[in-house]
Amino acid sequence: MIIIPVKEGENIERALKRFKRKFEKTGTMRELRSRQAFIKPSIKRREEIKHAIYVQKLQQEEE
């Protein structure tokens, strides 16, 4: 459970923004969306390899 202590005199929008940021960091929504559809392990692995190649290419261009 996420707890956001609201300080006295603090704007509610500011506290809501802190809550949203903290909630996003937990990754709950990302996990829910990923569970909506099953992805075969072979396809998941293929995507990971594709991403790793992309990142490696970016790092080589940077050097």
C-alpha atoms as a PDB file:
ATOM      1  CA  MET A   1       0.000   0.000   0.000  1.00  0.00           C
ATOM      2  CA  ILE A   2       1.309   3.435  -0.939  1.00  0.00           C
ATOM      3  CA  ILE A   3       1.254   6.025   1.808  1.00  0.00           C
ATOM      4  CA  ILE A   4       1.828   9.692   1.051  1.00  0.00           C
ATOM      5  CA  PRO A   5       2.062  11.909   4.125  1.00  0.00           C
ATOM      6  CA  VAL A   6       0.481  15.285   3.352  1.00  0.00           C
ATOM      7  CA  LYS A   7       2.250  18.106   5.149  1.00  0.00           C
ATOM      8  CA  GLU A   8       0.267  20.863   6.758  1.00  0.00           C
ATOM      9  CA  GLY A   9      -0.495  23.628   4.294  1.00  0.00           C
ATOM     10  CA  GLU A  10       0.660  21.517   1.338  1.00  0.00           C
ATOM     11  CA  ASN A  11      -1.244  21.841  -1.898  1.00  0.00           C
ATOM     12  CA  ILE A  12      -3.370  18.764  -2.695  1.00  0.00           C
ATOM     13  CA  GLU A  13      -2.235  18.812  -6.340  1.00  0.00           C
ATOM     14  CA  ARG A  14       1.372  18.544  -5.193  1.00  0.00           C
ATOM     15  CA  ALA A  15       0.556  15.566  -2.951  1.00  0.00           C
ATOM     16  CA  LEU A  16      -1.373  13.920  -5.798  1.00  0.00           C
ATOM     17  CA  LYS A  17       1.610  14.406  -8.099  1.00  0.00           C
ATOM     18  CA  ARG A  18       3.875  12.697  -5.518  1.00  0.00           C
ATOM     19  CA  PHE A  19       1.380   9.833  -5.262  1.00  0.00           C
ATOM     20  CA  LYS A  20       1.243   9.376  -9.037  1.00  0.00           C
ATOM     21  CA  ARG A  21       5.049   9.366  -9.274  1.00  0.00           C
ATOM     22  CA  LYS A  22       5.348   6.800  -6.488  1.00  0.00           C
ATOM     23  CA  PHE A  23       2.607   4.654  -8.026  1.00  0.00           C
ATOM     24  CA  GLU A  24       4.329   4.729 -11.430  1.00  0.00           C
ATOM     25  CA  LYS A  25       7.602   3.552  -9.857  1.00  0.00           C
ATOM     26  CA  THR A  26       5.924   0.450  -8.429  1.00  0.00           C
ATOM     27  CA  GLY A  27       5.147  -0.746 -11.974  1.00  0.00           C
ATOM     28  CA  THR A  28       1.648  -1.954 -11.122  1.00  0.00           C
ATOM     29  CA  MET A  29      -0.027  -0.628 -14.282  1.00  0.00           C
ATOM     30  CA  ARG A  30       2.786  -1.915 -16.497  1.00  0.00           C
ATOM     31  CA  GLU A  31       2.364  -5.383 -15.012  1.00  0.00           C
ATOM     32  CA  LEU A  32      -1.422  -5.306 -15.412  1.00  0.00           C
ATOM     33  CA  ARG A  33      -1.129  -4.366 -19.078  1.00  0.00           C
ATOM     34  CA  SER A  34       1.430  -7.077 -19.733  1.00  0.00           C
ATOM     35  CA  ARG A  35      -0.848  -9.696 -18.150  1.00  0.00           C
ATOM     36  CA  GLN A  36      -3.761  -8.850 -20.434  1.00  0.00           C
ATOM     37  CA  ALA A  37      -2.266 -10.865 -23.277  1.00  0.00           C
ATOM     38  CA  PHE A  38       0.008 -13.887 -23.155  1.00  0.00           C
ATOM     39  CA  ILE A  39       3.327 -13.556 -24.955  1.00  0.00           C
ATOM     40  CA  LYS A  40       5.137 -16.740 -25.819  1.00  0.00           C
ATOM     41  CA  PRO A  41       8.568 -17.056 -24.161  1.00  0.00           C
ATOM     42  CA  SER A  42      10.266 -17.392 -27.555  1.00  0.00           C
ATOM     43  CA  ILE A  43       8.775 -14.113 -28.756  1.00  0.00           C
ATOM     44  CA  LYS A  44       9.612 -12.393 -25.479  1.00  0.00           C
ATOM     45  CA  ARG A  45      13.226 -13.568 -25.771  1.00  0.00           C
ATOM     46  CA  ARG A  46      13.377 -12.410 -29.408  1.00  0.00           C
ATOM     47  CA  GLU A  47      12.230  -8.922 -28.355  1.00  0.00           C
ATOM     48  CA  GLU A  48      14.844  -8.823 -25.578  1.00  0.00           C
ATOM     49  CA  ILE A  49      17.592  -9.734 -28.051  1.00  0.00           C
ATOM     50  CA  LYS A  50      16.339  -7.105 -30.506  1.00  0.00           C
ATOM     51  CA  HIS A  51      16.407  -4.470 -27.769  1.00  0.00           C
ATOM     52  CA  ALA A  52      19.896  -5.508 -26.639  1.00  0.00           C
ATOM     53  CA  ILE A  53      21.187  -5.202 -30.216  1.00  0.00           C
ATOM     54  CA  TYR A  54      19.617  -1.757 -30.501  1.00  0.00           C
ATOM     55  CA  VAL A  55      21.172  -0.556 -27.217  1.00  0.00           C
ATOM     56  CA  GLN A  56      24.565  -1.967 -28.166  1.00  0.00           C
ATOM     57  CA  LYS A  57      24.393  -0.204 -31.531  1.00  0.00           C
ATOM     58  CA  LEU A  58      23.621   3.099 -29.808  1.00  0.00           C
ATOM     59  CA  GLN A  59      26.553   2.666 -27.428  1.00  0.00           C
ATOM     60  CA  GLN A  60      28.945   1.901 -30.300  1.00  0.00           C
ATOM     61  CA  GLU A  61      27.830   4.996 -32.207  1.00  0.00           C
ATOM     62  CA  GLU A  62      28.392   7.092 -29.093  1.00  0.00           C
ATOM     63  CA  GLU A  63      32.037   6.017 -28.779  1.00  0.00           C
END
